Amino acid sequence: MDLKQLNAFIAVAELRSFSAAATKIGLSQPSLSRLLKQLETDMGVMLVDRYHRPLHLTEAGTFFYDKISTILTEVDTVVGMTQRLSAPSSALNIGFVPSILYGLLPEIIARLKQSNPEIDVNLKDISSYQQMDALKSGDIDIGFGRFAHQDPWIQQILLRHERYVVALPKAHPLANVREQRLIDLANNRLILYHQTHLPVSTMPETVSSTGTPKTLGQNKKNNTSHHQASTVEQITEPLLYLFAQYGISPFMTTTVSDLQVALGLVAAGEGITLVPASLKTVRTEQISYQRLIHENVTSPIYLHTLKDFVHPHIPDLLRATYHVYEQRGITYRRQKFESQR
């Protein structure tokens, strides 16, 4: 069994055609057929049912594909990481989610370039979820995101929490109320925009509509609280999750493709939304941004990179980030990635 045989099988399994698979991996069809047949002979198992059109995998073939495709992806990741480790790029490729760009990222990059003028920085707009694959493929070296990820290849650190604010149309009855409560917003259409959702395993806190968060353990004697906690745990849309923590369900929701579209609808009077505080300079002619009284209604900012390969300029980026935080008086806890220590 070798990589050529495995790649031939993967191509056939995904395309369900010998001719298409041969074209994809740059072999003649007879050569690909021989590789696949040799793999089946070596394993003593028929992987492909050749007597149906389009081709079907056998039960054993389906099992083998599910397992071996994951392994081959990891092999490709290891090969790419090894190549980058032996010859690190002088450029630092940074992924970011759009909301980060409206915050302190431009200032951080300016500080990084000021302190390290030799660094070539490339910025890429890419979602938190997509950053995981981009790190493994080498498209980016580090990513600024809003969500925690559980991935054996990735390490991440929490930079800080950013408060949410409510975005309301200027003509809204609550537009001039300086401190908002989620319970008072529940009768509005809530515009949802996140493309990445919370992991299902997130364990919530339950809270009263106006009070301090309570842990699940504190509510064990209350059947209603048990039901509420179970309901919250099933909600993975980030904004709905924030409302659900307070036992609130918005009257109506609309889902759009991104944050800018959401703010466009708010400006048009089509609803309200919650955004990180760094967005409160956007469309200020049409939108009123007001503070939420709930201190735990925040959006985290994470940095994530590969566990086994930290680009040489990432420590410089972290120093620049913390320098900006200190200048702005932002509370943070200084951290390092594991391979920096």
C-alpha atoms as a PDB file:
ATOM      1  CA  MET A   1       0.000   0.000   0.000  1.00  0.00           C
ATOM      2  CA  ASP A   2       1.426   3.401  -0.966  1.00  0.00           C
ATOM      3  CA  LEU A   3       0.289   7.005  -1.345  1.00  0.00           C
ATOM      4  CA  LYS A   4      -0.287   6.670  -5.106  1.00  0.00           C
ATOM      5  CA  GLN A   5      -2.740   3.850  -4.502  1.00  0.00           C
ATOM      6  CA  LEU A   6      -4.497   5.736  -1.742  1.00  0.00           C
ATOM      7  CA  ASN A   7      -4.775   8.925  -3.803  1.00  0.00           C
ATOM      8  CA  ALA A   8      -6.190   6.912  -6.695  1.00  0.00           C
ATOM      9  CA  PHE A   9      -8.823   5.413  -4.414  1.00  0.00           C
ATOM     10  CA  ILE A  10      -9.720   8.795  -2.899  1.00  0.00           C
ATOM     11  CA  ALA A  11     -10.181  10.302  -6.371  1.00  0.00           C
ATOM     12  CA  VAL A  12     -12.438   7.447  -7.494  1.00  0.00           C
ATOM     13  CA  ALA A  13     -14.415   7.554  -4.248  1.00  0.00           C
ATOM     14  CA  GLU A  14     -15.067  11.297  -4.556  1.00  0.00           C
ATOM     15  CA  LEU A  15     -15.723  11.515  -8.313  1.00  0.00           C
ATOM     16  CA  ARG A  16     -17.370   8.073  -8.840  1.00  0.00           C
ATOM     17  CA  SER A  17     -15.713   7.873 -12.245  1.00  0.00           C
ATOM     18  CA  PHE A  18     -12.440   6.260 -13.332  1.00  0.00           C
ATOM     19  CA  SER A  19     -11.954   8.696 -16.199  1.00  0.00           C
ATOM     20  CA  ALA A  20     -12.641  11.793 -14.091  1.00  0.00           C
ATOM     21  CA  ALA A  21     -10.423  10.479 -11.287  1.00  0.00           C
ATOM     22  CA  ALA A  22      -7.581   9.742 -13.731  1.00  0.00           C
ATOM     23  CA  THR A  23      -7.787  13.277 -15.123  1.00  0.00           C
ATOM     24  CA  LYS A  24      -7.777  14.795 -11.632  1.00  0.00           C
ATOM     25  CA  ILE A  25      -4.581  13.058 -10.508  1.00  0.00           C
ATOM     26  CA  GLY A  26      -2.839  13.170 -13.898  1.00  0.00           C
ATOM     27  CA  LEU A  27      -2.787   9.457 -14.800  1.00  0.00           C
ATOM     28  CA  SER A  28      -4.112   7.420 -17.661  1.00  0.00           C
ATOM     29  CA  GLN A  29      -7.266   5.475 -16.877  1.00  0.00           C
ATOM     30  CA  PRO A  30      -5.534   2.060 -17.180  1.00  0.00           C
ATOM     31  CA  SER A  31      -2.798   3.218 -14.764  1.00  0.00           C
ATOM     32  CA  LEU A  32      -5.363   4.390 -12.227  1.00  0.00           C
ATOM     33  CA  SER A  33      -7.295   1.120 -12.539  1.00  0.00           C
ATOM     34  CA  ARG A  34      -4.120  -0.864 -11.884  1.00  0.00           C
ATOM     35  CA  LEU A  35      -3.327   1.184  -8.787  1.00  0.00           C
ATOM     36  CA  LEU A  36      -6.806   0.650  -7.378  1.00  0.00           C
ATOM     37  CA  LYS A  37      -6.779  -3.063  -8.168  1.00  0.00           C
ATOM     38  CA  GLN A  38      -3.379  -3.473  -6.500  1.00  0.00           C
ATOM     39  CA  LEU A  39      -4.689  -1.680  -3.392  1.00  0.00           C
ATOM     40  CA  GLU A  40      -7.668  -4.037  -3.207  1.00  0.00           C
ATOM     41  CA  THR A  41      -5.374  -7.059  -3.716  1.00  0.00           C
ATOM     42  CA  ASP A  42      -2.985  -5.889  -0.987  1.00  0.00           C
ATOM     43  CA  MET A  43      -5.877  -5.391   1.424  1.00  0.00           C
ATOM     44  CA  GLY A  44      -7.810  -8.470   0.355  1.00  0.00           C
ATOM     45  CA  VAL A  45     -10.960  -6.353   0.194  1.00  0.00           C
ATOM     46  CA  MET A  46     -13.138  -5.077  -2.669  1.00  0.00           C
ATOM     47  CA  LEU A  47     -13.482  -1.333  -2.190  1.00  0.00           C
ATOM     48  CA  VAL A  48     -15.358  -0.289  -5.356  1.00  0.00           C
ATOM     49  CA  ASP A  49     -18.428  -1.887  -6.918  1.00  0.00           C
ATOM     50  CA  ARG A  50     -17.589  -1.564 -10.609  1.00  0.00           C
ATOM     51  CA  TYR A  51     -20.857  -3.037 -11.871  1.00  0.00           C
ATOM     52  CA  HIS A  52     -23.065  -0.008 -11.234  1.00  0.00           C
ATOM     53  CA  ARG A  53     -23.100   3.392 -12.899  1.00  0.00           C
ATOM     54  CA  PRO A  54     -22.139   5.704 -11.408  1.00  0.00           C
ATOM     55  CA  LEU A  55     -19.604   3.698  -9.476  1.00  0.00           C
ATOM     56  CA  HIS A  56     -20.453   2.855  -5.883  1.00  0.00           C
ATOM     57  CA  LEU A  57     -18.210   2.105  -2.938  1.00  0.00           C
ATOM     58  CA  THR A  58     -18.762  -1.167  -1.157  1.00  0.00           C
ATOM     59  CA  GLU A  59     -19.564  -1.046   2.537  1.00  0.00           C
ATOM     60  CA  ALA A  60     -15.887  -1.721   3.244  1.00  0.00           C
ATOM     61  CA  GLY A  61     -14.911   0.977   0.736  1.00  0.00           C
ATOM     62  CA  THR A  62     -17.130   3.546   2.417  1.00  0.00           C
ATOM     63  CA  PHE A  63     -15.590   2.752   5.805  1.00  0.00           C
ATOM     64  CA  PHE A  64     -12.076   2.903   4.377  1.00  0.00           C
ATOM     65  CA  TYR A  65     -12.736   6.218   2.614  1.00  0.00           C
ATOM     66  CA  ASP A  66     -14.107   7.853   5.781  1.00  0.00           C
ATOM     67  CA  LYS A  67     -10.987   6.890   7.740  1.00  0.00           C
ATOM     68  CA  ILE A  68      -8.227   7.206   5.158  1.00  0.00           C
ATOM     69  CA  SER A  69      -9.336  10.599   3.789  1.00  0.00           C
ATOM     70  CA  THR A  70      -8.861  12.106   7.256  1.00  0.00           C
ATOM     71  CA  ILE A  71      -5.422  10.514   7.554  1.00  0.00           C
ATOM     72  CA  LEU A  72      -4.331  11.783   4.142  1.00  0.00           C
ATOM     73  CA  THR A  73      -5.490  15.295   5.018  1.00  0.00           C
ATOM     74  CA  GLU A  74      -3.293  15.114   8.100  1.00  0.00           C
ATOM     75  CA  VAL A  75      -0.379  13.855   6.006  1.00  0.00           C
ATOM     76  CA  ASP A  76      -0.759  16.829   3.665  1.00  0.00           C
ATOM     77  CA  THR A  77      -0.877  19.149   6.677  1.00  0.00           C
ATOM     78  CA  VAL A  78       2.284  17.641   8.156  1.00  0.00           C
ATOM     79  CA  VAL A  79       4.130  17.879   4.833  1.00  0.00           C
ATOM     80  CA  GLY A  80       3.149  21.543   4.441  1.00  0.00           C
ATOM     81  CA  MET A  81       4.112  22.355   8.026  1.00  0.00           C
ATOM     82  CA  THR A  82       7.483  20.617   7.577  1.00  0.00           C
ATOM     83  CA  GLN A  83       8.184  22.637   4.438  1.00  0.00           C
ATOM     84  CA  ARG A  84       7.279  25.908   6.181  1.00  0.00           C
ATOM     85  CA  LEU A  85       9.378  24.977   9.203  1.00  0.00           C
ATOM     86  CA  SER A  86      12.450  24.334   7.074  1.00  0.00           C
ATOM     87  CA  ALA A  87      12.037  27.570   5.102  1.00  0.00           C
ATOM     88  CA  PRO A  88       9.773  30.047   6.913  1.00  0.00           C
ATOM     89  CA  SER A  89       8.311  32.798   4.767  1.00  0.00           C
ATOM     90  CA  SER A  90       9.421  36.332   5.568  1.00  0.00           C
ATOM     91  CA  ALA A  91       5.811  37.466   5.059  1.00  0.00           C
ATOM     92  CA  LEU A  92       3.278  37.226   7.874  1.00  0.00           C
ATOM     93  CA  ASN A  93      -0.149  36.255   6.538  1.00  0.00           C
ATOM     94  CA  ILE A  94      -2.895  37.326   8.933  1.00  0.00           C
ATOM     95  CA  GLY A  95      -6.513  36.192   8.707  1.00  0.00           C
ATOM     96  CA  PHE A  96      -9.235  38.299  10.284  1.00  0.00           C
ATOM     97  CA  VAL A  97     -13.000  38.466  10.574  1.00  0.00           C
ATOM     98  CA  PRO A  98     -14.510  41.748   9.329  1.00  0.00           C
ATOM     99  CA  SER A  99     -15.577  42.995  12.764  1.00  0.00           C
ATOM    100  CA  ILE A 100     -11.923  42.946  13.900  1.00  0.00           C
ATOM    101  CA  LEU A 101     -10.978  45.374  11.135  1.00  0.00           C
ATOM    102  CA  TYR A 102     -13.309  48.017  12.584  1.00  0.00           C
ATOM    103  CA  GLY A 103     -11.571  47.722  15.934  1.00  0.00           C
ATOM    104  CA  LEU A 104      -7.900  47.956  16.808  1.00  0.00           C
ATOM    105  CA  LEU A 105      -6.432  45.726  14.074  1.00  0.00           C
ATOM    106  CA  PRO A 106      -5.314  48.624  11.817  1.00  0.00           C
ATOM    107  CA  GLU A 107      -3.607  50.257  14.802  1.00  0.00           C
ATOM    108  CA  ILE A 108      -1.947  46.958  15.769  1.00  0.00           C
ATOM    109  CA  ILE A 109      -0.621  46.412  12.243  1.00  0.00           C
ATOM    110  CA  ALA A 110       0.695  49.985  12.111  1.00  0.00           C
ATOM    111  CA  ARG A 111       2.506  49.428  15.412  1.00  0.00           C
ATOM    112  CA  LEU A 112       3.917  46.102  14.153  1.00  0.00           C
ATOM    113  CA  LYS A 113       5.305  47.718  10.997  1.00  0.00           C
ATOM    114  CA  GLN A 114       6.692  50.653  12.945  1.00  0.00           C
ATOM    115  CA  SER A 115       8.604  48.347  15.291  1.00  0.00           C
ATOM    116  CA  ASN A 116       9.564  45.831  12.592  1.00  0.00           C
ATOM    117  CA  PRO A 117       9.776  47.619   9.224  1.00  0.00           C
ATOM    118  CA  GLU A 118      11.253  44.520   7.579  1.00  0.00           C
ATOM    119  CA  ILE A 119       8.030  42.504   8.078  1.00  0.00           C
ATOM    120  CA  ASP A 120       5.852  42.041   4.998  1.00  0.00           C
ATOM    121  CA  VAL A 121       2.253  41.766   6.252  1.00  0.00           C
ATOM    122  CA  ASN A 122      -0.623  40.332   4.196  1.00  0.00           C
ATOM    123  CA  LEU A 123      -4.178  40.648   5.536  1.00  0.00           C
ATOM    124  CA  LYS A 124      -6.938  38.240   4.488  1.00  0.00           C
ATOM    125  CA  ASP A 125     -10.644  38.601   5.242  1.00  0.00           C
ATOM    126  CA  ILE A 126     -11.703  35.087   6.277  1.00  0.00           C
ATOM    127  CA  SER A 127     -14.300  33.693   8.687  1.00  0.00           C
ATOM    128  CA  SER A 128     -13.340  32.178  12.050  1.00  0.00           C
ATOM    129  CA  TYR A 129     -14.304  28.688  10.885  1.00  0.00           C
ATOM    130  CA  GLN A 130     -12.443  28.919   7.573  1.00  0.00           C
ATOM    131  CA  GLN A 131      -9.323  30.128   9.350  1.00  0.00           C
ATOM    132  CA  MET A 132      -8.775  26.619  10.740  1.00  0.00           C
ATOM    133  CA  ASP A 133      -8.284  25.107   7.276  1.00  0.00           C
ATOM    134  CA  ALA A 134      -6.350  28.164   6.096  1.00  0.00           C
ATOM    135  CA  LEU A 135      -3.856  27.707   8.944  1.00  0.00           C
ATOM    136  CA  LYS A 136      -3.336  24.057   8.062  1.00  0.00           C
ATOM    137  CA  SER A 137      -2.888  24.757   4.350  1.00  0.00           C
ATOM    138  CA  GLY A 138      -0.474  27.649   4.983  1.00  0.00           C
ATOM    139  CA  ASP A 139      -2.760  30.304   3.460  1.00  0.00           C
ATOM    140  CA  ILE A 140      -2.481  32.207   6.731  1.00  0.00           C
ATOM    141  CA  ASP A 141       0.015  32.044   9.599  1.00  0.00           C
ATOM    142  CA  ILE A 142      -2.252  33.427  12.308  1.00  0.00           C
ATOM    143  CA  GLY A 143      -5.906  34.399  12.609  1.00  0.00           C
ATOM    144  CA  PHE A 144      -7.959  36.915  14.580  1.00  0.00           C
ATOM    145  CA  GLY A 145     -11.383  35.399  15.241  1.00  0.00           C
ATOM    146  CA  ARG A 146     -14.426  35.623  17.489  1.00  0.00           C
ATOM    147  CA  PHE A 147     -14.967  31.946  18.325  1.00  0.00           C
ATOM    148  CA  ALA A 148     -13.208  29.238  20.292  1.00  0.00           C
ATOM    149  CA  HIS A 149     -12.341  26.153  18.230  1.00  0.00           C
ATOM    150  CA  GLN A 150     -11.489  22.644  19.298  1.00  0.00           C
ATOM    151  CA  ASP A 151      -8.969  21.322  16.780  1.00  0.00           C
ATOM    152  CA  PRO A 152      -5.969  19.087  17.533  1.00  0.00           C
ATOM    153  CA  TRP A 153      -3.797  21.040  15.087  1.00  0.00           C
ATOM    154  CA  ILE A 154      -4.639  24.503  16.400  1.00  0.00           C
ATOM    155  CA  GLN A 155      -3.730  26.465  19.515  1.00  0.00           C
ATOM    156  CA  GLN A 156      -5.410  29.704  20.457  1.00  0.00           C
ATOM    157  CA  ILE A 157      -5.255  32.391  23.095  1.00  0.00           C
ATOM    158  CA  LEU A 158      -7.965  34.756  24.287  1.00  0.00           C
ATOM    159  CA  LEU A 159      -6.914  38.357  23.765  1.00  0.00           C
ATOM    160  CA  ARG A 160      -9.845  40.120  25.410  1.00  0.00           C
ATOM    161  CA  HIS A 161     -13.617  40.422  25.631  1.00  0.00           C
ATOM    162  CA  GLU A 162     -15.356  43.235  23.757  1.00  0.00           C
ATOM    163  CA  ARG A 163     -18.741  44.477  24.940  1.00  0.00           C
ATOM    164  CA  TYR A 164     -21.719  44.207  22.613  1.00  0.00           C
ATOM    165  CA  VAL A 165     -23.814  47.283  21.895  1.00  0.00           C
ATOM    166  CA  VAL A 166     -27.320  47.371  20.473  1.00  0.00           C
ATOM    167  CA  ALA A 167     -27.740  48.915  17.017  1.00  0.00           C
ATOM    168  CA  LEU A 168     -31.146  50.555  16.492  1.00  0.00           C
ATOM    169  CA  PRO A 169     -32.618  52.682  13.700  1.00  0.00           C
ATOM    170  CA  LYS A 170     -32.431  56.392  14.558  1.00  0.00           C
ATOM    171  CA  ALA A 171     -36.262  56.570  14.533  1.00  0.00           C
ATOM    172  CA  HIS A 172     -36.643  53.671  16.991  1.00  0.00           C
ATOM    173  CA  PRO A 173     -38.438  54.540  20.294  1.00  0.00           C
ATOM    174  CA  LEU A 174     -35.425  53.248  22.266  1.00  0.00           C
ATOM    175  CA  ALA A 175     -32.807  54.984  20.104  1.00  0.00           C
ATOM    176  CA  ASN A 176     -31.953  57.548  22.777  1.00  0.00           C
ATOM    177  CA  VAL A 177     -32.038  55.231  25.791  1.00  0.00           C
ATOM    178  CA  ARG A 178     -28.434  55.184  26.992  1.00  0.00           C
ATOM    179  CA  GLU A 179     -28.538  51.867  28.849  1.00  0.00           C
ATOM    180  CA  GLN A 180     -30.455  49.015  27.262  1.00  0.00           C
ATOM    181  CA  ARG A 181     -31.751  45.714  28.618  1.00  0.00           C
ATOM    182  CA  LEU A 182     -32.187  42.638  26.450  1.00  0.00           C
ATOM    183  CA  ILE A 183     -35.693  42.094  27.843  1.00  0.00           C
ATOM    184  CA  ASP A 184     -36.737  45.485  26.444  1.00  0.00           C
ATOM    185  CA  LEU A 185     -35.451  44.520  22.982  1.00  0.00           C
ATOM    186  CA  ALA A 186     -37.308  41.215  22.745  1.00  0.00           C
ATOM    187  CA  ASN A 187     -40.312  42.587  20.816  1.00  0.00           C
ATOM    188  CA  ASN A 188     -38.145  43.715  17.898  1.00  0.00           C
ATOM    189  CA  ARG A 189     -36.991  41.853  14.818  1.00  0.00           C
ATOM    190  CA  LEU A 190     -33.460  40.678  15.620  1.00  0.00           C
ATOM    191  CA  ILE A 191     -31.136  40.544  12.618  1.00  0.00           C
ATOM    192  CA  LEU A 192     -28.675  37.632  12.780  1.00  0.00           C
ATOM    193  CA  TYR A 193     -25.434  37.668  10.782  1.00  0.00           C
ATOM    194  CA  HIS A 194     -22.921  35.169  12.202  1.00  0.00           C
ATOM    195  CA  GLN A 195     -21.628  32.550   9.782  1.00  0.00           C
ATOM    196  CA  THR A 196     -19.837  30.639  12.542  1.00  0.00           C
ATOM    197  CA  HIS A 197     -21.882  29.210  15.397  1.00  0.00           C
ATOM    198  CA  LEU A 198     -21.023  28.243  18.946  1.00  0.00           C
ATOM    199  CA  PRO A 199     -19.958  24.634  19.565  1.00  0.00           C
ATOM    200  CA  VAL A 200     -22.861  22.461  20.700  1.00  0.00           C
ATOM    201  CA  SER A 201     -20.916  21.467  23.799  1.00  0.00           C
ATOM    202  CA  THR A 202     -20.925  25.041  25.142  1.00  0.00           C
ATOM    203  CA  MET A 203     -22.142  24.952  28.735  1.00  0.00           C
ATOM    204  CA  PRO A 204     -24.266  27.980  29.502  1.00  0.00           C
ATOM    205  CA  GLU A 205     -24.988  30.078  32.509  1.00  0.00           C
ATOM    206  CA  THR A 206     -28.615  30.881  33.187  1.00  0.00           C
ATOM    207  CA  VAL A 207     -29.500  34.348  34.359  1.00  0.00           C
ATOM    208  CA  SER A 208     -32.522  36.373  35.283  1.00  0.00           C
ATOM    209  CA  SER A 209     -33.694  38.958  32.780  1.00  0.00           C
ATOM    210  CA  THR A 210     -32.199  41.756  34.851  1.00  0.00           C
ATOM    211  CA  GLY A 211     -29.925  40.052  37.352  1.00  0.00           C
ATOM    212  CA  THR A 212     -26.513  38.500  37.743  1.00  0.00           C
ATOM    213  CA  PRO A 213     -25.603  35.247  35.939  1.00  0.00           C
ATOM    214  CA  LYS A 214     -26.205  32.076  37.899  1.00  0.00           C
ATOM    215  CA  THR A 215     -24.303  28.877  37.286  1.00  0.00           C
ATOM    216  CA  LEU A 216     -26.181  25.740  36.369  1.00  0.00           C
ATOM    217  CA  GLY A 217     -25.227  24.229  39.691  1.00  0.00           C
ATOM    218  CA  GLN A 218     -27.033  26.996  41.538  1.00  0.00           C
ATOM    219  CA  ASN A 219     -30.265  26.185  39.723  1.00  0.00           C
ATOM    220  CA  LYS A 220     -30.409  22.435  40.207  1.00  0.00           C
ATOM    221  CA  LYS A 221     -33.388  22.606  42.544  1.00  0.00           C
ATOM    222  CA  ASN A 222     -35.540  24.438  40.063  1.00  0.00           C
ATOM    223  CA  ASN A 223     -37.146  22.379  37.282  1.00  0.00           C
ATOM    224  CA  THR A 224     -37.838  25.516  35.268  1.00  0.00           C
ATOM    225  CA  SER A 225     -34.180  26.453  35.432  1.00  0.00           C
ATOM    226  CA  HIS A 226     -33.244  22.943  34.314  1.00  0.00           C
ATOM    227  CA  HIS A 227     -35.483  23.278  31.272  1.00  0.00           C
ATOM    228  CA  GLN A 228     -34.089  26.724  30.513  1.00  0.00           C
ATOM    229  CA  ALA A 229     -30.497  25.504  30.785  1.00  0.00           C
ATOM    230  CA  SER A 230     -31.226  22.608  28.450  1.00  0.00           C
ATOM    231  CA  THR A 231     -32.815  24.981  25.938  1.00  0.00           C
ATOM    232  CA  VAL A 232     -29.874  27.399  26.079  1.00  0.00           C
ATOM    233  CA  GLU A 233     -27.390  24.586  25.544  1.00  0.00           C
ATOM    234  CA  GLN A 234     -29.080  23.671  22.259  1.00  0.00           C
ATOM    235  CA  ILE A 235     -28.826  27.203  20.842  1.00  0.00           C
ATOM    236  CA  THR A 236     -25.650  27.758  18.831  1.00  0.00           C
ATOM    237  CA  GLU A 237     -26.455  31.030  17.015  1.00  0.00           C
ATOM    238  CA  PRO A 238     -24.386  33.547  19.005  1.00  0.00           C
ATOM    239  CA  LEU A 239     -26.925  36.378  19.330  1.00  0.00           C
ATOM    240  CA  LEU A 240     -29.818  34.059  20.136  1.00  0.00           C
ATOM    241  CA  TYR A 241     -27.583  32.407  22.708  1.00  0.00           C
ATOM    242  CA  LEU A 242     -27.024  35.752  24.446  1.00  0.00           C
ATOM    243  CA  PHE A 243     -30.767  36.335  24.690  1.00  0.00           C
ATOM    244  CA  ALA A 244     -31.405  32.750  25.795  1.00  0.00           C
ATOM    245  CA  GLN A 245     -28.982  33.142  28.705  1.00  0.00           C
ATOM    246  CA  TYR A 246     -31.485  35.604  30.117  1.00  0.00           C
ATOM    247  CA  GLY A 247     -34.477  33.400  29.345  1.00  0.00           C
ATOM    248  CA  ILE A 248     -35.486  35.638  26.433  1.00  0.00           C
ATOM    249  CA  SER A 249     -36.541  34.668  22.930  1.00  0.00           C
ATOM    250  CA  PRO A 250     -36.772  37.491  20.355  1.00  0.00           C
ATOM    251  CA  PHE A 251     -40.185  38.026  18.800  1.00  0.00           C
ATOM    252  CA  MET A 252     -38.872  37.604  15.238  1.00  0.00           C
ATOM    253  CA  THR A 253     -35.515  37.045  13.519  1.00  0.00           C
ATOM    254  CA  THR A 254     -34.021  37.576  10.073  1.00  0.00           C
ATOM    255  CA  THR A 255     -30.756  35.939   9.001  1.00  0.00           C
ATOM    256  CA  VAL A 256     -28.423  37.695   6.553  1.00  0.00           C
ATOM    257  CA  SER A 257     -25.052  36.879   5.026  1.00  0.00           C
ATOM    258  CA  ASP A 258     -22.798  39.200   6.989  1.00  0.00           C
ATOM    259  CA  LEU A 259     -22.539  42.013   9.507  1.00  0.00           C
ATOM    260  CA  GLN A 260     -22.537  44.821   6.934  1.00  0.00           C
ATOM    261  CA  VAL A 261     -25.855  43.611   5.499  1.00  0.00           C
ATOM    262  CA  ALA A 262     -27.266  43.416   9.032  1.00  0.00           C
ATOM    263  CA  LEU A 263     -26.313  47.038   9.704  1.00  0.00           C
ATOM    264  CA  GLY A 264     -27.765  48.041   6.340  1.00  0.00           C
ATOM    265  CA  LEU A 265     -31.121  46.570   7.371  1.00  0.00           C
ATOM    266  CA  VAL A 266     -30.947  48.332  10.734  1.00  0.00           C
ATOM    267  CA  ALA A 267     -30.272  51.613   8.906  1.00  0.00           C
ATOM    268  CA  ALA A 268     -33.331  50.924   6.745  1.00  0.00           C
ATOM    269  CA  GLY A 269     -35.500  50.432   9.836  1.00  0.00           C
ATOM    270  CA  GLU A 270     -35.957  46.690   9.297  1.00  0.00           C
ATOM    271  CA  GLY A 271     -34.887  45.580  12.760  1.00  0.00           C
ATOM    272  CA  ILE A 272     -32.173  45.748  15.397  1.00  0.00           C
ATOM    273  CA  THR A 273     -28.990  43.793  16.032  1.00  0.00           C
ATOM    274  CA  LEU A 274     -26.122  43.458  18.493  1.00  0.00           C
ATOM    275  CA  VAL A 275     -22.569  44.220  17.371  1.00  0.00           C
ATOM    276  CA  PRO A 276     -19.162  44.497  19.059  1.00  0.00           C
ATOM    277  CA  ALA A 277     -18.578  48.014  20.370  1.00  0.00           C
ATOM    278  CA  SER A 278     -15.864  48.674  17.770  1.00  0.00           C
ATOM    279  CA  LEU A 279     -18.607  48.798  15.112  1.00  0.00           C
ATOM    280  CA  LYS A 280     -20.391  51.792  16.626  1.00  0.00           C
ATOM    281  CA  THR A 281     -18.786  54.220  14.168  1.00  0.00           C
ATOM    282  CA  VAL A 282     -20.515  52.577  11.167  1.00  0.00           C
ATOM    283  CA  ARG A 283     -23.545  54.286   9.562  1.00  0.00           C
ATOM    284  CA  THR A 284     -23.955  56.684  12.472  1.00  0.00           C
ATOM    285  CA  GLU A 285     -26.251  58.918  10.397  1.00  0.00           C
ATOM    286  CA  GLN A 286     -28.915  56.207  10.346  1.00  0.00           C
ATOM    287  CA  ILE A 287     -28.044  54.024  13.369  1.00  0.00           C
ATOM    288  CA  SER A 288     -28.027  54.700  17.089  1.00  0.00           C
ATOM    289  CA  TYR A 289     -25.631  52.535  19.114  1.00  0.00           C
ATOM    290  CA  GLN A 290     -26.442  52.177  22.786  1.00  0.00           C
ATOM    291  CA  ARG A 291     -24.774  50.407  25.685  1.00  0.00           C
ATOM    292  CA  LEU A 292     -26.174  47.185  27.142  1.00  0.00           C
ATOM    293  CA  ILE A 293     -26.291  47.000  30.922  1.00  0.00           C
ATOM    294  CA  HIS A 294     -25.359  43.300  30.914  1.00  0.00           C
ATOM    295  CA  GLU A 295     -21.618  43.065  31.552  1.00  0.00           C
ATOM    296  CA  ASN A 296     -21.383  39.443  30.402  1.00  0.00           C
ATOM    297  CA  VAL A 297     -22.850  40.167  26.944  1.00  0.00           C
ATOM    298  CA  THR A 298     -19.492  40.254  25.213  1.00  0.00           C
ATOM    299  CA  SER A 299     -17.774  39.050  22.069  1.00  0.00           C
ATOM    300  CA  PRO A 300     -14.357  37.430  22.651  1.00  0.00           C
ATOM    301  CA  ILE A 301     -11.366  38.058  20.399  1.00  0.00           C
ATOM    302  CA  TYR A 302      -9.066  35.074  19.866  1.00  0.00           C
ATOM    303  CA  LEU A 303      -5.727  34.609  18.161  1.00  0.00           C
ATOM    304  CA  HIS A 304      -5.108  31.160  16.741  1.00  0.00           C
ATOM    305  CA  THR A 305      -2.204  29.487  14.983  1.00  0.00           C
ATOM    306  CA  LEU A 306      -0.771  26.000  14.483  1.00  0.00           C
ATOM    307  CA  LYS A 307       0.310  24.059  17.558  1.00  0.00           C
ATOM    308  CA  ASP A 308       3.568  22.785  16.113  1.00  0.00           C
ATOM    309  CA  PHE A 309       4.658  25.741  14.003  1.00  0.00           C
ATOM    310  CA  VAL A 310       4.608  29.345  15.196  1.00  0.00           C
ATOM    311  CA  HIS A 311       5.707  31.814  12.529  1.00  0.00           C
ATOM    312  CA  PRO A 312       8.841  33.724  13.663  1.00  0.00           C
ATOM    313  CA  HIS A 313       7.028  37.085  13.530  1.00  0.00           C
ATOM    314  CA  ILE A 314       4.031  36.069  15.657  1.00  0.00           C
ATOM    315  CA  PRO A 315       5.748  37.161  18.927  1.00  0.00           C
ATOM    316  CA  ASP A 316       6.222  40.581  17.303  1.00  0.00           C
ATOM    317  CA  LEU A 317       2.498  40.688  16.490  1.00  0.00           C
ATOM    318  CA  LEU A 318       1.586  39.823  20.067  1.00  0.00           C
ATOM    319  CA  ARG A 319       3.873  42.532  21.434  1.00  0.00           C
ATOM    320  CA  ALA A 320       2.295  45.077  19.103  1.00  0.00           C
ATOM    321  CA  THR A 321      -1.186  43.970  20.190  1.00  0.00           C
ATOM    322  CA  TYR A 322      -0.417  44.312  23.884  1.00  0.00           C
ATOM    323  CA  HIS A 323       1.289  47.674  23.319  1.00  0.00           C
ATOM    324  CA  VAL A 324      -1.904  49.019  21.720  1.00  0.00           C
ATOM    325  CA  TYR A 325      -4.037  47.579  24.520  1.00  0.00           C
ATOM    326  CA  GLU A 326      -1.864  49.302  27.119  1.00  0.00           C
ATOM    327  CA  GLN A 327      -2.042  52.622  25.290  1.00  0.00           C
ATOM    328  CA  ARG A 328      -5.842  52.321  25.116  1.00  0.00           C
ATOM    329  CA  GLY A 329      -6.185  51.245  28.757  1.00  0.00           C
ATOM    330  CA  ILE A 330      -7.743  47.907  27.773  1.00  0.00           C
ATOM    331  CA  THR A 331      -7.717  45.134  30.360  1.00  0.00           C
ATOM    332  CA  TYR A 332      -5.994  41.965  29.158  1.00  0.00           C
ATOM    333  CA  ARG A 333      -3.897  39.063  30.412  1.00  0.00           C
ATOM    334  CA  ARG A 334      -0.551  38.701  28.643  1.00  0.00           C
ATOM    335  CA  GLN A 335      -0.161  35.264  27.062  1.00  0.00           C
ATOM    336  CA  LYS A 336       2.147  33.381  24.710  1.00  0.00           C
ATOM    337  CA  PHE A 337       1.658  30.518  22.323  1.00  0.00           C
ATOM    338  CA  GLU A 338       3.065  27.225  23.585  1.00  0.00           C
ATOM    339  CA  SER A 339       6.034  26.943  21.238  1.00  0.00           C
ATOM    340  CA  GLN A 340       7.152  30.496  22.152  1.00  0.00           C
ATOM    341  CA  ARG A 341       7.920  29.506  25.732  1.00  0.00           C
END
